């Protein structure tokens, strides 16, 4: 996984909805293809989870930290817009951003998947996250460590054309 330039450039053209994406290259494998011969929708959800964990780890919080702190950012709601199909072997780039947070209980994470060959957006996604206490499953205030690491990574206020 890597962070692209602040301009969000890929192949010379601006393709990202928001600045400074955290990205991961993905490519549908044979096991990702469904009966309609395109990438199964569940695969996109899995890729979003993988890039989100990669982003969190790159920022400095991993699963062991979540257990140590007895806190986690859990998905309260997931929303996916499947814009175009993708096919076996296509080179794609998936981006994620922390988009908003109240600094107490909630965060918003966004996703955008583009086809590398033409820069077309094939998926947009959004997660509404809530901080929970792992031992009880109840909503709890984000610990200071979460705020110190996650809040500086939130996309600066931008006029969002998408969502």
N, C-alpha and C. Protein backbone atom coordinates (compact mmCIF):
# COMPACT_ATOMS: atom_id res chain seq x y z
N UNK A 1 0.84 -1.17 0.00
CA UNK A 1 0.00 0.00 0.00
C UNK A 1 0.88 1.23 0.00
N UNK A 2 0.35 2.29 -0.56
CA UNK A 2 1.14 3.51 -0.62
C UNK A 2 0.24 4.72 -0.61
N UNK A 3 0.84 5.83 -0.33
CA UNK A 3 0.11 7.09 -0.40
C UNK A 3 0.50 7.77 -1.70
N UNK A 4 -0.50 8.19 -2.47
CA UNK A 4 -0.21 8.91 -3.71
C UNK A 4 0.10 10.36 -3.38
N UNK A 5 0.52 11.10 -4.36
CA UNK A 5 0.82 12.51 -4.17
C UNK A 5 -0.41 13.28 -3.69
N UNK A 6 -0.18 14.40 -3.05
CA UNK A 6 -1.26 15.21 -2.50
C UNK A 6 -2.27 15.62 -3.57
N UNK A 7 -1.85 15.71 -4.79
CA UNK A 7 -2.77 16.09 -5.86
C UNK A 7 -3.69 14.95 -6.27
N UNK A 8 -3.37 13.73 -5.79
CA UNK A 8 -4.19 12.60 -6.17
C UNK A 8 -3.99 12.18 -7.61
N UNK A 9 -2.82 12.36 -8.13
CA UNK A 9 -2.58 12.04 -9.53
C UNK A 9 -2.28 10.56 -9.72
N UNK A 10 -2.76 10.04 -10.79
CA UNK A 10 -2.46 8.68 -11.20
C UNK A 10 -2.35 8.73 -12.71
N UNK A 11 -1.20 8.43 -13.23
CA UNK A 11 -1.02 8.45 -14.68
C UNK A 11 -1.20 9.82 -15.28
N UNK A 12 -0.94 10.88 -14.50
CA UNK A 12 -0.96 12.23 -15.04
C UNK A 12 -2.29 12.94 -14.94
N UNK A 13 -3.38 12.25 -14.61
CA UNK A 13 -4.66 12.94 -14.50
C UNK A 13 -5.20 12.81 -13.08
N UNK A 14 -5.91 13.83 -12.64
CA UNK A 14 -6.48 13.80 -11.31
C UNK A 14 -7.72 12.94 -11.33
N UNK A 15 -7.76 11.92 -10.48
CA UNK A 15 -8.87 10.99 -10.48
C UNK A 15 -9.53 10.86 -9.11
N UNK A 16 -8.91 11.35 -8.06
CA UNK A 16 -9.42 11.10 -6.71
C UNK A 16 -10.45 12.14 -6.29
N UNK A 17 -11.45 11.68 -5.57
CA UNK A 17 -12.49 12.57 -5.05
C UNK A 17 -11.95 13.54 -4.01
N UNK A 18 -10.95 13.13 -3.26
CA UNK A 18 -10.41 13.92 -2.15
C UNK A 18 -8.89 13.88 -2.20
N UNK A 19 -8.24 14.82 -1.54
CA UNK A 19 -6.76 14.87 -1.58
C UNK A 19 -6.13 13.79 -0.69
N UNK A 20 -4.90 13.49 -1.00
CA UNK A 20 -4.01 12.62 -0.23
C UNK A 20 -4.61 11.25 0.10
N UNK A 21 -4.97 10.49 -0.91
CA UNK A 21 -5.53 9.16 -0.65
C UNK A 21 -4.48 8.18 -0.14
N UNK A 22 -4.91 7.26 0.68
CA UNK A 22 -4.11 6.08 1.01
C UNK A 22 -4.58 5.01 0.05
N UNK A 23 -3.67 4.39 -0.69
CA UNK A 23 -4.07 3.51 -1.77
C UNK A 23 -3.50 2.11 -1.67
N UNK A 24 -4.17 1.23 -2.39
CA UNK A 24 -3.71 -0.15 -2.53
C UNK A 24 -4.04 -0.60 -3.94
N UNK A 25 -3.08 -1.23 -4.59
CA UNK A 25 -3.32 -1.82 -5.91
C UNK A 25 -4.04 -3.15 -5.71
N UNK A 26 -5.09 -3.37 -6.49
CA UNK A 26 -5.84 -4.62 -6.44
C UNK A 26 -6.09 -5.11 -7.87
N UNK A 27 -6.28 -6.42 -7.98
CA UNK A 27 -6.52 -7.03 -9.29
C UNK A 27 -7.41 -8.25 -9.06
N UNK A 28 -8.60 -8.27 -9.67
CA UNK A 28 -9.47 -9.43 -9.49
C UNK A 28 -8.79 -10.73 -9.94
N UNK A 29 -8.86 -11.72 -9.05
CA UNK A 29 -8.33 -13.04 -9.33
C UNK A 29 -9.49 -13.96 -9.75
N UNK A 30 -9.16 -15.13 -10.20
CA UNK A 30 -10.18 -16.08 -10.65
C UNK A 30 -11.26 -16.32 -9.58
N UNK A 31 -10.85 -16.45 -8.32
CA UNK A 31 -11.80 -16.71 -7.23
C UNK A 31 -12.69 -15.49 -6.92
N UNK A 32 -12.36 -14.32 -7.44
CA UNK A 32 -13.14 -13.10 -7.22
C UNK A 32 -14.27 -12.93 -8.24
N UNK A 33 -14.27 -13.75 -9.28
CA UNK A 33 -15.21 -13.60 -10.39
C UNK A 33 -16.47 -14.44 -10.12
N UNK A 34 -17.63 -13.83 -10.34
CA UNK A 34 -18.90 -14.51 -10.07
C UNK A 34 -19.51 -15.11 -11.33
N UNK A 35 -20.72 -15.60 -11.21
CA UNK A 35 -21.40 -16.24 -12.32
C UNK A 35 -21.72 -15.33 -13.48
N UNK A 36 -21.64 -14.02 -13.29
CA UNK A 36 -21.86 -13.06 -14.37
C UNK A 36 -20.55 -12.66 -15.05
N UNK A 37 -19.46 -13.33 -14.65
CA UNK A 37 -18.12 -13.12 -15.21
C UNK A 37 -17.52 -11.76 -14.90
N UNK A 38 -17.99 -11.13 -13.82
CA UNK A 38 -17.33 -9.91 -13.35
C UNK A 38 -17.01 -10.06 -11.85
N UNK A 39 -16.30 -9.09 -11.29
CA UNK A 39 -15.90 -9.16 -9.88
C UNK A 39 -17.14 -9.16 -9.00
N UNK A 40 -17.21 -10.12 -8.10
CA UNK A 40 -18.34 -10.23 -7.18
C UNK A 40 -18.36 -9.04 -6.23
N UNK A 41 -19.54 -8.50 -5.95
CA UNK A 41 -19.68 -7.32 -5.09
C UNK A 41 -19.05 -7.52 -3.71
N UNK A 42 -19.12 -8.73 -3.17
CA UNK A 42 -18.54 -8.99 -1.85
C UNK A 42 -17.03 -8.79 -1.84
N UNK A 43 -16.40 -8.98 -2.99
CA UNK A 43 -14.94 -8.80 -3.09
C UNK A 43 -14.58 -7.33 -2.83
N UNK A 44 -15.38 -6.42 -3.37
CA UNK A 44 -15.12 -4.99 -3.15
C UNK A 44 -15.19 -4.65 -1.66
N UNK A 45 -16.14 -5.24 -0.96
CA UNK A 45 -16.29 -5.01 0.48
C UNK A 45 -15.04 -5.51 1.21
N UNK A 46 -14.57 -6.70 0.83
CA UNK A 46 -13.34 -7.25 1.44
C UNK A 46 -12.14 -6.34 1.17
N UNK A 47 -12.03 -5.85 -0.08
CA UNK A 47 -10.92 -4.96 -0.41
C UNK A 47 -10.99 -3.68 0.43
N UNK A 48 -12.19 -3.16 0.63
CA UNK A 48 -12.33 -1.94 1.46
C UNK A 48 -11.84 -2.20 2.88
N UNK A 49 -12.20 -3.36 3.42
CA UNK A 49 -11.73 -3.70 4.77
C UNK A 49 -10.20 -3.79 4.81
N UNK A 50 -9.62 -4.41 3.80
CA UNK A 50 -8.17 -4.57 3.76
C UNK A 50 -7.46 -3.23 3.64
N UNK A 51 -7.94 -2.34 2.79
CA UNK A 51 -7.28 -1.04 2.64
C UNK A 51 -7.49 -0.19 3.90
N UNK A 52 -8.64 -0.32 4.56
CA UNK A 52 -8.89 0.42 5.79
C UNK A 52 -7.91 -0.02 6.89
N UNK A 53 -7.72 -1.32 7.05
CA UNK A 53 -6.75 -1.80 8.03
C UNK A 53 -5.33 -1.35 7.66
N UNK A 54 -5.01 -1.41 6.39
CA UNK A 54 -3.68 -0.95 5.97
C UNK A 54 -3.46 0.51 6.30
N UNK A 55 -4.49 1.32 6.08
CA UNK A 55 -4.40 2.75 6.39
C UNK A 55 -4.23 2.96 7.89
N UNK A 56 -5.04 2.26 8.68
CA UNK A 56 -4.94 2.39 10.14
C UNK A 56 -3.54 1.99 10.62
N UNK A 57 -3.03 0.89 10.09
CA UNK A 57 -1.69 0.43 10.49
C UNK A 57 -0.62 1.44 10.07
N UNK A 58 -0.74 2.01 8.89
CA UNK A 58 0.22 3.01 8.43
C UNK A 58 0.20 4.25 9.31
N UNK A 59 -0.99 4.57 9.82
CA UNK A 59 -1.10 5.73 10.73
C UNK A 59 -0.53 5.42 12.10
N UNK A 60 -0.52 4.14 12.50
CA UNK A 60 0.07 3.77 13.78
C UNK A 60 -0.84 3.01 14.73
N UNK A 61 -2.00 2.56 14.27
CA UNK A 61 -2.89 1.75 15.11
C UNK A 61 -3.19 0.43 14.41
N UNK A 62 -2.92 -0.68 15.10
CA UNK A 62 -3.20 -1.99 14.54
C UNK A 62 -4.14 -2.76 15.46
N UNK A 63 -4.44 -3.99 15.09
CA UNK A 63 -5.37 -4.80 15.85
C UNK A 63 -4.89 -5.03 17.29
N UNK A 64 -3.59 -5.22 17.48
CA UNK A 64 -3.05 -5.40 18.84
C UNK A 64 -3.29 -4.15 19.68
N UNK A 65 -3.17 -2.96 19.07
CA UNK A 65 -3.46 -1.71 19.80
C UNK A 65 -4.93 -1.65 20.19
N UNK A 66 -5.81 -2.06 19.29
CA UNK A 66 -7.24 -2.06 19.61
C UNK A 66 -7.51 -2.94 20.84
N UNK A 67 -6.90 -4.12 20.88
CA UNK A 67 -7.09 -5.01 22.02
C UNK A 67 -6.47 -4.43 23.29
N UNK A 68 -5.28 -3.86 23.17
CA UNK A 68 -4.61 -3.26 24.34
C UNK A 68 -5.45 -2.13 24.93
N UNK A 69 -6.08 -1.34 24.07
CA UNK A 69 -6.88 -0.20 24.52
C UNK A 69 -8.34 -0.57 24.82
N UNK A 70 -8.72 -1.81 24.51
CA UNK A 70 -10.10 -2.28 24.67
C UNK A 70 -11.09 -1.38 23.93
N UNK A 71 -10.66 -0.90 22.77
CA UNK A 71 -11.49 -0.03 21.94
C UNK A 71 -11.28 -0.42 20.48
N UNK A 72 -12.31 -0.14 19.66
CA UNK A 72 -12.23 -0.38 18.22
C UNK A 72 -13.17 0.57 17.52
N UNK A 73 -12.84 0.89 16.28
CA UNK A 73 -13.76 1.62 15.42
C UNK A 73 -14.52 0.57 14.62
N UNK A 74 -15.81 0.43 14.93
CA UNK A 74 -16.64 -0.60 14.31
C UNK A 74 -17.55 0.04 13.26
N UNK A 75 -17.83 -0.70 12.22
CA UNK A 75 -18.71 -0.21 11.16
C UNK A 75 -20.15 -0.25 11.66
N UNK A 76 -20.76 0.92 11.73
CA UNK A 76 -22.17 1.02 12.10
C UNK A 76 -23.03 0.92 10.83
N UNK A 77 -22.50 1.47 9.76
CA UNK A 77 -23.23 1.45 8.49
C UNK A 77 -22.23 1.45 7.34
N UNK A 78 -22.44 0.61 6.35
CA UNK A 78 -21.62 0.59 5.15
C UNK A 78 -22.51 0.85 3.95
N UNK A 79 -22.00 1.65 3.03
CA UNK A 79 -22.75 2.02 1.83
C UNK A 79 -21.80 1.94 0.65
N UNK A 80 -22.23 1.26 -0.43
CA UNK A 80 -21.39 1.07 -1.60
C UNK A 80 -22.17 1.40 -2.85
N UNK A 81 -21.59 2.20 -3.72
CA UNK A 81 -22.17 2.49 -5.02
C UNK A 81 -21.30 1.80 -6.06
N UNK A 82 -21.87 0.77 -6.70
CA UNK A 82 -21.17 0.01 -7.72
C UNK A 82 -21.44 0.70 -9.06
N UNK A 83 -20.46 1.46 -9.53
CA UNK A 83 -20.63 2.31 -10.70
C UNK A 83 -20.41 1.55 -12.00
N UNK A 84 -19.34 0.78 -12.07
CA UNK A 84 -19.00 0.01 -13.27
C UNK A 84 -18.50 -1.37 -12.85
N UNK A 85 -18.59 -2.33 -13.73
CA UNK A 85 -18.07 -3.67 -13.47
C UNK A 85 -16.56 -3.71 -13.68
N UNK A 86 -15.94 -4.67 -13.02
CA UNK A 86 -14.52 -4.95 -13.28
C UNK A 86 -14.39 -6.43 -13.60
N UNK A 87 -13.27 -6.76 -14.23
CA UNK A 87 -13.10 -8.08 -14.82
C UNK A 87 -11.80 -8.72 -14.37
N UNK A 88 -11.72 -10.02 -14.57
CA UNK A 88 -10.54 -10.80 -14.22
C UNK A 88 -9.26 -10.14 -14.73
N UNK A 89 -8.32 -9.94 -13.82
CA UNK A 89 -7.00 -9.44 -14.18
C UNK A 89 -6.87 -7.94 -14.38
N UNK A 90 -7.97 -7.18 -14.29
CA UNK A 90 -7.88 -5.72 -14.48
C UNK A 90 -7.08 -5.09 -13.34
N UNK A 91 -6.20 -4.17 -13.68
CA UNK A 91 -5.45 -3.42 -12.67
C UNK A 91 -6.32 -2.28 -12.14
N UNK A 92 -6.47 -2.26 -10.82
CA UNK A 92 -7.31 -1.27 -10.15
C UNK A 92 -6.55 -0.66 -9.00
N UNK A 93 -6.96 0.52 -8.57
CA UNK A 93 -6.38 1.15 -7.38
C UNK A 93 -7.52 1.57 -6.48
N UNK A 94 -7.44 1.12 -5.22
CA UNK A 94 -8.45 1.45 -4.22
C UNK A 94 -7.88 2.47 -3.26
N UNK A 95 -8.63 3.54 -3.03
CA UNK A 95 -8.20 4.62 -2.13
C UNK A 95 -9.14 4.71 -0.95
N UNK A 96 -8.61 5.19 0.17
CA UNK A 96 -9.44 5.44 1.34
C UNK A 96 -8.99 6.72 2.03
N UNK A 97 -9.94 7.31 2.73
CA UNK A 97 -9.70 8.53 3.50
C UNK A 97 -10.52 8.47 4.78
N UNK A 98 -9.97 9.04 5.85
CA UNK A 98 -10.81 9.37 7.01
C UNK A 98 -11.39 10.72 6.67
N UNK A 99 -12.70 10.80 6.67
CA UNK A 99 -13.34 11.98 6.12
C UNK A 99 -13.87 12.94 7.18
N UNK A 100 -14.33 12.42 8.29
CA UNK A 100 -14.90 13.28 9.33
C UNK A 100 -14.85 12.53 10.64
N UNK A 101 -14.86 13.28 11.74
CA UNK A 101 -14.94 12.69 13.07
C UNK A 101 -15.44 13.75 14.04
N UNK A 102 -16.22 13.30 15.01
CA UNK A 102 -16.64 14.22 16.06
C UNK A 102 -15.61 14.28 17.19
N UNK A 103 -14.55 13.46 17.10
CA UNK A 103 -13.51 13.45 18.11
C UNK A 103 -13.95 12.80 19.41
N UNK A 104 -15.11 12.19 19.40
CA UNK A 104 -15.64 11.54 20.61
C UNK A 104 -16.01 10.09 20.35
N UNK A 105 -16.99 9.89 19.46
CA UNK A 105 -17.50 8.54 19.22
C UNK A 105 -17.44 8.10 17.77
N UNK A 106 -17.53 9.03 16.82
CA UNK A 106 -17.76 8.64 15.44
C UNK A 106 -16.69 9.11 14.47
N UNK A 107 -16.56 8.35 13.39
CA UNK A 107 -15.72 8.72 12.26
C UNK A 107 -16.42 8.28 10.99
N UNK A 108 -16.02 8.87 9.90
CA UNK A 108 -16.55 8.56 8.58
C UNK A 108 -15.35 8.23 7.70
N UNK A 109 -15.39 7.06 7.06
CA UNK A 109 -14.33 6.65 6.14
C UNK A 109 -14.92 6.54 4.74
N UNK A 110 -14.18 7.03 3.75
CA UNK A 110 -14.62 6.99 2.35
C UNK A 110 -13.68 6.11 1.54
N UNK A 111 -14.22 5.58 0.45
CA UNK A 111 -13.47 4.72 -0.47
C UNK A 111 -13.77 5.13 -1.90
N UNK A 112 -12.79 4.93 -2.77
CA UNK A 112 -12.97 5.11 -4.21
C UNK A 112 -12.07 4.11 -4.91
N UNK A 113 -12.65 3.35 -5.83
CA UNK A 113 -11.91 2.37 -6.62
C UNK A 113 -11.89 2.84 -8.06
N UNK A 114 -10.71 2.93 -8.64
CA UNK A 114 -10.59 3.36 -10.04
C UNK A 114 -9.93 2.26 -10.88
N UNK A 115 -10.28 2.26 -12.14
CA UNK A 115 -9.65 1.37 -13.12
C UNK A 115 -8.42 2.09 -13.64
N UNK A 116 -7.27 1.47 -13.51
CA UNK A 116 -6.01 2.12 -13.87
C UNK A 116 -5.92 2.48 -15.35
N UNK A 117 -6.50 1.66 -16.22
CA UNK A 117 -6.32 1.87 -17.66
C UNK A 117 -6.92 3.17 -18.15
N UNK A 118 -8.01 3.62 -17.55
CA UNK A 118 -8.66 4.85 -18.03
C UNK A 118 -9.03 5.83 -16.91
N UNK A 119 -8.71 5.49 -15.66
CA UNK A 119 -9.01 6.39 -14.54
C UNK A 119 -10.48 6.45 -14.16
N UNK A 120 -11.30 5.57 -14.72
CA UNK A 120 -12.74 5.59 -14.41
C UNK A 120 -12.99 5.09 -13.00
N UNK A 121 -13.86 5.77 -12.29
CA UNK A 121 -14.28 5.31 -10.96
C UNK A 121 -15.26 4.16 -11.15
N UNK A 122 -14.98 3.04 -10.48
CA UNK A 122 -15.85 1.88 -10.60
C UNK A 122 -16.64 1.62 -9.32
N UNK A 123 -16.20 2.21 -8.20
CA UNK A 123 -16.90 2.04 -6.94
C UNK A 123 -16.62 3.23 -6.04
N UNK A 124 -17.63 3.63 -5.29
CA UNK A 124 -17.46 4.56 -4.18
C UNK A 124 -18.10 3.92 -2.97
N UNK A 125 -17.49 4.11 -1.82
CA UNK A 125 -18.04 3.55 -0.60
C UNK A 125 -17.88 4.49 0.57
N UNK A 126 -18.66 4.19 1.60
CA UNK A 126 -18.63 5.02 2.80
C UNK A 126 -18.96 4.14 3.99
N UNK A 127 -18.19 4.32 5.06
CA UNK A 127 -18.50 3.67 6.33
C UNK A 127 -18.75 4.72 7.38
N UNK A 128 -19.81 4.55 8.14
CA UNK A 128 -20.02 5.31 9.36
C UNK A 128 -19.50 4.42 10.48
N UNK A 129 -18.52 4.92 11.20
CA UNK A 129 -17.85 4.15 12.25
C UNK A 129 -18.21 4.69 13.62
N UNK A 130 -18.24 3.80 14.60
CA UNK A 130 -18.46 4.21 15.98
C UNK A 130 -17.42 3.51 16.85
N UNK A 131 -16.93 4.22 17.85
CA UNK A 131 -15.95 3.64 18.76
C UNK A 131 -16.69 2.76 19.77
N UNK A 132 -16.22 1.52 19.89
CA UNK A 132 -16.81 0.61 20.87
C UNK A 132 -15.76 0.10 21.84
N UNK A 133 -16.23 -0.32 22.99
CA UNK A 133 -15.40 -1.03 23.96
C UNK A 133 -15.46 -2.50 23.57
N UNK A 134 -14.32 -3.10 23.28
CA UNK A 134 -14.31 -4.48 22.80
C UNK A 134 -14.89 -5.45 23.82
N UNK A 135 -14.59 -5.24 25.09
CA UNK A 135 -15.02 -6.18 26.13
C UNK A 135 -16.54 -6.19 26.33
N UNK A 136 -17.22 -5.11 25.99
CA UNK A 136 -18.67 -5.07 26.20
C UNK A 136 -19.46 -4.92 24.90
N UNK A 137 -18.81 -4.43 23.83
CA UNK A 137 -19.50 -4.16 22.58
C UNK A 137 -20.29 -2.86 22.59
N UNK A 138 -20.20 -2.11 23.68
CA UNK A 138 -20.95 -0.85 23.80
C UNK A 138 -20.16 0.33 23.27
N UNK A 139 -20.89 1.32 22.81
CA UNK A 139 -20.26 2.56 22.35
C UNK A 139 -19.54 3.22 23.52
N UNK A 140 -18.32 3.66 23.25
CA UNK A 140 -17.51 4.34 24.26
C UNK A 140 -16.70 5.43 23.57
N UNK A 141 -16.34 6.43 24.33
CA UNK A 141 -15.53 7.53 23.83
C UNK A 141 -14.19 7.02 23.29
N UNK A 142 -13.75 7.63 22.20
CA UNK A 142 -12.44 7.28 21.64
C UNK A 142 -11.35 7.60 22.65
N UNK A 143 -10.41 6.68 22.83
CA UNK A 143 -9.28 6.99 23.72
C UNK A 143 -8.39 8.08 23.08
N UNK A 144 -7.61 8.72 23.91
CA UNK A 144 -6.73 9.80 23.44
C UNK A 144 -5.83 9.31 22.31
N UNK A 145 -5.36 8.08 22.38
CA UNK A 145 -4.47 7.54 21.34
C UNK A 145 -5.17 7.52 19.98
N UNK A 146 -6.46 7.18 19.94
CA UNK A 146 -7.21 7.21 18.69
C UNK A 146 -7.27 8.64 18.15
N UNK A 147 -7.63 9.56 19.04
CA UNK A 147 -7.75 10.97 18.61
C UNK A 147 -6.42 11.50 18.12
N UNK A 148 -5.34 11.18 18.84
CA UNK A 148 -4.01 11.68 18.46
C UNK A 148 -3.56 11.15 17.10
N UNK A 149 -3.96 9.94 16.76
CA UNK A 149 -3.51 9.32 15.51
C UNK A 149 -4.50 9.54 14.38
N UNK A 150 -5.78 9.35 14.64
CA UNK A 150 -6.76 9.43 13.56
C UNK A 150 -7.15 10.86 13.17
N UNK A 151 -7.34 11.73 14.14
CA UNK A 151 -7.87 13.06 13.81
C UNK A 151 -6.97 13.87 12.88
N UNK A 152 -5.64 13.83 13.04
CA UNK A 152 -4.80 14.57 12.08
C UNK A 152 -4.90 14.03 10.65
N UNK A 153 -5.37 12.79 10.49
CA UNK A 153 -5.47 12.19 9.16
C UNK A 153 -6.81 12.48 8.47
N UNK A 154 -7.73 13.11 9.18
CA UNK A 154 -9.03 13.43 8.58
C UNK A 154 -8.83 14.43 7.46
N UNK A 155 -9.48 14.18 6.31
CA UNK A 155 -9.38 15.06 5.15
C UNK A 155 -9.81 16.46 5.57
N UNK A 156 -9.01 17.47 5.24
CA UNK A 156 -9.41 18.83 5.55
C UNK A 156 -10.74 19.16 4.87
N UNK A 157 -11.45 20.06 5.43
CA UNK A 157 -12.76 20.43 4.91
C UNK A 157 -12.67 20.71 3.42
N UNK A 158 -13.45 19.95 2.66
CA UNK A 158 -13.51 20.11 1.20
C UNK A 158 -14.96 20.10 0.80
N UNK A 159 -15.25 20.69 -0.33
CA UNK A 159 -16.62 20.61 -0.82
C UNK A 159 -16.74 19.27 -1.53
N UNK A 160 -17.54 18.39 -0.95
CA UNK A 160 -17.66 17.03 -1.44
C UNK A 160 -18.70 16.93 -2.54
N UNK A 161 -18.24 16.62 -3.73
CA UNK A 161 -19.15 16.43 -4.86
C UNK A 161 -19.82 15.07 -4.77
N UNK A 162 -19.17 14.14 -4.08
CA UNK A 162 -19.69 12.78 -3.98
C UNK A 162 -20.07 12.47 -2.54
N UNK A 163 -21.28 12.00 -2.37
CA UNK A 163 -21.88 11.67 -1.07
C UNK A 163 -22.29 12.93 -0.41
